[in-house]
């Protein structure tokens, strides 16, 4: 697959690549990362820049003691390596793992630096993505220290619902959060024991059902969670 083929498949990608120099376009390669695979590893030397045209991934920080902290999850269209390049650093600071299959357009770091230097459109988009991630992280930072586990989990459920169409006129009948308990622990910062207890409690209170161990909720249960969160914020 060429970059042009990918642009035809994902038309929105053209808004990012429309000013890419022709010689860089010719050197661009397309790669698919299967769900569960590592896109790049923390502390590796970054030799490329990628634009995620399709798929969802998660950004995690791995520590020497084996613990994993999930920083954020991102959906296409997104970038790979932009933080490292914009920061002028040589090695990556995080690990990126594919949650679903990711289709990524790759160019070399040298080509990326040259492109960013001459094209305000791609520079603005890369900087904007980086700023949005920082804003989102700053806005939510510390929540697990000051809110109870039930609040954290229901807030996650509501955000997941919004991202997946529960606020639209053609909302899905049910949504399933297809995350393992380990992944949920890493994403919301609650240890597994507390998370399992909170899941049981909220299920008994009718906020969701469990389908093969995964949290599943309807529009009515989504609204119930929204109202609960509004009451918790007010009180």
Protein backbone atom coordinates (compact mmCIF):
# COMPACT_ATOMS: atom_id res chain seq x y z
CA UNK A 1 0.00 0.00 0.00
CA UNK A 2 1.24 3.48 -0.86
CA UNK A 3 0.52 6.73 0.94
CA UNK A 4 -1.87 7.69 -1.87
CA UNK A 5 -3.74 4.40 -1.40
CA UNK A 6 -4.02 5.11 2.32
CA UNK A 7 -5.25 8.67 1.68
CA UNK A 8 -7.96 7.25 -0.60
CA UNK A 9 -8.93 4.81 2.15
CA UNK A 10 -8.86 7.48 4.89
CA UNK A 11 -9.71 10.84 3.20
CA UNK A 12 -9.17 12.82 6.43
CA UNK A 13 -5.49 11.89 6.25
CA UNK A 14 -5.08 14.29 3.31
CA UNK A 15 -5.51 17.26 5.68
CA UNK A 16 -2.26 16.16 7.32
CA UNK A 17 -0.26 15.10 4.28
CA UNK A 18 -1.42 17.63 1.68
CA UNK A 19 1.84 19.61 1.81
CA UNK A 20 4.23 16.71 2.24
CA UNK A 21 7.17 17.15 -0.20
CA UNK A 22 7.01 14.70 -3.09
CA UNK A 23 10.40 13.13 -2.39
CA UNK A 24 9.33 12.38 1.20
CA UNK A 25 6.04 10.95 -0.05
CA UNK A 26 7.98 8.53 -2.23
CA UNK A 27 9.97 7.31 0.77
CA UNK A 28 6.88 6.90 2.98
CA UNK A 29 6.03 3.34 4.03
CA UNK A 30 2.76 1.95 5.38
CA UNK A 31 2.72 -0.57 8.22
CA UNK A 32 -0.04 -2.33 10.15
CA UNK A 33 0.47 -3.03 13.86
CA UNK A 34 -1.80 -5.82 15.08
CA UNK A 35 -3.87 -5.39 18.23
CA UNK A 36 -1.76 -6.13 21.31
CA UNK A 37 1.57 -5.48 19.59
CA UNK A 38 4.10 -2.86 20.65
CA UNK A 39 4.42 0.10 18.28
CA UNK A 40 7.42 1.48 20.04
CA UNK A 41 9.18 0.81 23.33
CA UNK A 42 10.26 3.21 26.03
CA UNK A 43 13.95 4.23 25.90
CA UNK A 44 14.42 3.16 22.26
CA UNK A 45 16.21 5.48 19.85
CA UNK A 46 13.59 7.12 17.67
CA UNK A 47 14.45 6.93 13.98
CA UNK A 48 11.03 7.58 12.48
CA UNK A 49 7.84 9.65 12.59
CA UNK A 50 4.43 8.11 12.05
CA UNK A 51 0.88 9.23 11.33
CA UNK A 52 -1.74 6.81 12.63
CA UNK A 53 -4.45 6.69 9.96
CA UNK A 54 -6.62 4.02 11.60
CA UNK A 55 -6.86 2.31 14.96
CA UNK A 56 -6.57 2.95 18.68
CA UNK A 57 -3.46 2.72 20.83
CA UNK A 58 -2.50 3.33 24.42
CA UNK A 59 0.50 5.14 25.83
CA UNK A 60 2.03 3.51 28.90
CA UNK A 61 5.00 4.04 31.17
CA UNK A 62 6.82 0.89 32.24
CA UNK A 63 8.94 0.90 35.38
CA UNK A 64 11.87 -1.29 36.44
CA UNK A 65 9.80 -2.93 39.19
CA UNK A 66 7.36 -4.31 36.61
CA UNK A 67 4.55 -1.85 37.24
CA UNK A 68 2.77 -0.23 34.31
CA UNK A 69 1.03 3.15 34.35
CA UNK A 70 -1.29 4.04 31.49
CA UNK A 71 -0.91 7.69 30.51
CA UNK A 72 -3.57 7.97 27.81
CA UNK A 73 -5.34 6.27 24.95
CA UNK A 74 -5.45 7.76 21.46
CA UNK A 75 -7.46 7.20 18.31
CA UNK A 76 -6.65 8.01 14.71
CA UNK A 77 -5.75 10.35 13.35
CA UNK A 78 -2.76 10.63 15.65
CA UNK A 79 1.04 10.73 15.60
CA UNK A 80 3.86 8.41 16.61
CA UNK A 81 7.10 10.02 17.80
CA UNK A 82 5.99 13.64 17.63
CA UNK A 83 6.69 14.38 21.31
CA UNK A 84 10.24 13.04 21.09
CA UNK A 85 10.95 14.99 17.90
CA UNK A 86 9.39 18.28 19.08
CA UNK A 87 11.25 17.96 22.38
CA UNK A 88 14.54 17.46 20.50
CA UNK A 89 15.22 14.20 22.34
CA UNK A 90 16.87 11.11 20.87
CA UNK A 91 15.03 8.35 22.76
CA UNK A 92 11.37 7.66 23.43
CA UNK A 93 9.91 8.35 26.88
CA UNK A 94 6.93 5.96 26.70
CA UNK A 95 5.76 2.66 25.27
CA UNK A 96 2.91 2.67 22.75
CA UNK A 97 0.78 -0.46 22.42
CA UNK A 98 -1.86 -1.11 19.74
CA UNK A 99 -5.31 -1.66 21.28
CA UNK A 100 -6.87 -2.37 17.87
CA UNK A 101 -5.10 -2.84 14.55
CA UNK A 102 -3.20 0.37 13.74
CA UNK A 103 -2.35 1.48 10.20
CA UNK A 104 0.57 3.91 10.30
CA UNK A 105 2.31 5.93 7.59
CA UNK A 106 6.02 6.16 8.44
CA UNK A 107 8.81 8.44 7.32
CA UNK A 108 12.33 8.75 8.68
CA UNK A 109 13.05 11.14 11.52
CA UNK A 110 15.30 13.19 9.23
CA UNK A 111 12.50 13.52 6.67
CA UNK A 112 10.06 14.42 9.44
CA UNK A 113 12.31 17.16 10.81
CA UNK A 114 12.72 18.63 7.32
CA UNK A 115 8.97 18.45 6.68
CA UNK A 116 8.11 20.07 10.03
CA UNK A 117 10.60 22.85 9.29
CA UNK A 118 9.02 23.80 5.97
CA UNK A 119 5.30 23.05 6.43
CA UNK A 120 3.33 25.07 8.97
CA UNK A 121 0.28 22.85 8.50
CA UNK A 122 1.91 19.64 9.76
CA UNK A 123 3.85 21.54 12.45
CA UNK A 124 0.64 23.11 13.74
CA UNK A 125 -1.17 19.77 13.74
CA UNK A 126 1.65 17.93 15.52
CA UNK A 127 2.01 20.72 18.09
CA UNK A 128 -1.76 20.85 18.54
CA UNK A 129 -1.97 17.14 19.22
CA UNK A 130 0.84 17.39 21.74
CA UNK A 131 -0.77 20.36 23.49
CA UNK A 132 -4.16 18.59 23.62
CA UNK A 133 -2.62 15.53 25.25
CA UNK A 134 -0.87 17.72 27.82
CA UNK A 135 -4.09 19.63 28.47
CA UNK A 136 -6.08 16.41 28.93
CA UNK A 137 -3.45 14.94 31.23
CA UNK A 138 -3.20 18.14 33.29
CA UNK A 139 -6.98 18.45 33.54
CA UNK A 140 -7.39 14.92 34.94
CA UNK A 141 -4.14 14.65 36.88
CA UNK A 142 -4.67 13.78 40.55
CA UNK A 143 -8.25 12.55 40.21
CA UNK A 144 -7.44 9.13 41.67
CA UNK A 145 -6.05 10.79 44.79
CA UNK A 146 -9.21 12.74 45.64
CA UNK A 147 -12.17 10.82 44.20
CA UNK A 148 -13.50 7.42 45.37
CA UNK A 149 -13.10 4.37 43.09
CA UNK A 150 -16.81 4.36 42.15
CA UNK A 151 -16.51 7.91 40.83
CA UNK A 152 -13.36 7.11 38.85
CA UNK A 153 -14.90 4.02 37.23
CA UNK A 154 -18.23 5.68 36.38
CA UNK A 155 -16.40 8.72 35.00
CA UNK A 156 -14.43 6.35 32.77
CA UNK A 157 -17.67 4.63 31.68
CA UNK A 158 -19.29 7.95 30.76
CA UNK A 159 -16.24 9.15 28.79
CA UNK A 160 -16.16 5.82 26.96
CA UNK A 161 -19.86 6.19 26.17
CA UNK A 162 -19.41 9.70 24.79
CA UNK A 163 -16.49 8.58 22.61
CA UNK A 164 -18.55 5.71 21.22
CA UNK A 165 -21.80 7.43 20.31
CA UNK A 166 -24.03 7.32 23.39
CA UNK A 167 -24.78 11.03 22.96
CA UNK A 168 -25.74 10.67 19.29
CA UNK A 169 -29.26 10.30 17.95
CA UNK A 170 -28.39 6.83 16.61
CA UNK A 171 -26.78 5.59 19.81
CA UNK A 172 -25.86 1.89 20.11
CA UNK A 173 -28.18 -0.43 22.02
CA UNK A 174 -25.35 -1.53 24.28
CA UNK A 175 -21.66 -0.75 24.62
CA UNK A 176 -19.00 -3.11 25.94
CA UNK A 177 -15.70 -1.88 27.36
CA UNK A 178 -13.43 -4.53 25.90
CA UNK A 179 -10.63 -4.01 28.40
CA UNK A 180 -9.19 -6.65 30.69
CA UNK A 181 -9.16 -5.84 34.40
CA UNK A 182 -5.39 -5.40 34.15
CA UNK A 183 -5.79 -2.85 31.36
CA UNK A 184 -8.52 -1.02 33.29
CA UNK A 185 -6.27 -0.90 36.34
CA UNK A 186 -3.52 0.69 34.27
CA UNK A 187 -5.89 3.15 32.61
CA UNK A 188 -7.74 4.47 35.65
CA UNK A 189 -5.09 3.97 38.34
CA UNK A 190 -7.04 1.71 40.72
CA UNK A 191 -5.42 -1.50 41.96
CA UNK A 192 -7.01 -4.74 40.79
CA UNK A 193 -8.42 -5.73 44.18
CA UNK A 194 -10.18 -2.38 44.62
CA UNK A 195 -11.27 -2.37 40.98
CA UNK A 196 -12.88 -5.83 41.25
CA UNK A 197 -14.71 -4.78 44.42
CA UNK A 198 -15.91 -1.57 42.75
CA UNK A 199 -17.09 -3.45 39.64
CA UNK A 200 -19.15 -5.84 41.81
CA UNK A 201 -20.64 -2.94 43.78
CA UNK A 202 -21.65 -0.88 40.75
CA UNK A 203 -23.04 -3.93 38.94
CA UNK A 204 -25.24 -4.68 41.95
CA UNK A 205 -26.42 -1.07 41.91
CA UNK A 206 -27.48 -1.47 38.27
CA UNK A 207 -24.97 0.81 36.51
CA UNK A 208 -23.91 -1.93 34.09
CA UNK A 209 -23.91 -5.66 33.39
CA UNK A 210 -20.99 -8.02 32.85
CA UNK A 211 -20.72 -9.89 29.56
CA UNK A 212 -17.95 -12.49 29.67
CA UNK A 213 -16.37 -10.41 32.42
CA UNK A 214 -16.47 -7.15 30.41
CA UNK A 215 -18.48 -4.08 31.49
CA UNK A 216 -21.55 -3.66 29.26
CA UNK A 217 -24.07 -0.85 29.57
CA UNK A 218 -27.17 0.53 27.87
CA UNK A 219 -28.28 4.09 27.17
CA UNK A 220 -30.42 4.05 30.34
CA UNK A 221 -27.47 2.87 32.45
CA UNK A 222 -25.27 5.50 30.80
CA UNK A 223 -27.75 8.23 31.80
CA UNK A 224 -27.87 6.79 35.29
CA UNK A 225 -24.08 7.11 35.55
CA UNK A 226 -24.18 10.69 34.22
CA UNK A 227 -26.75 11.69 36.85
CA UNK A 228 -24.76 9.98 39.61
CA UNK A 229 -21.61 11.86 38.61
CA UNK A 230 -23.46 15.18 38.49
CA UNK A 231 -24.77 14.54 42.01
CA UNK A 232 -21.32 13.56 43.26
CA UNK A 233 -19.78 16.73 41.82
CA UNK A 234 -22.48 18.85 43.40
CA UNK A 235 -22.20 17.26 46.78
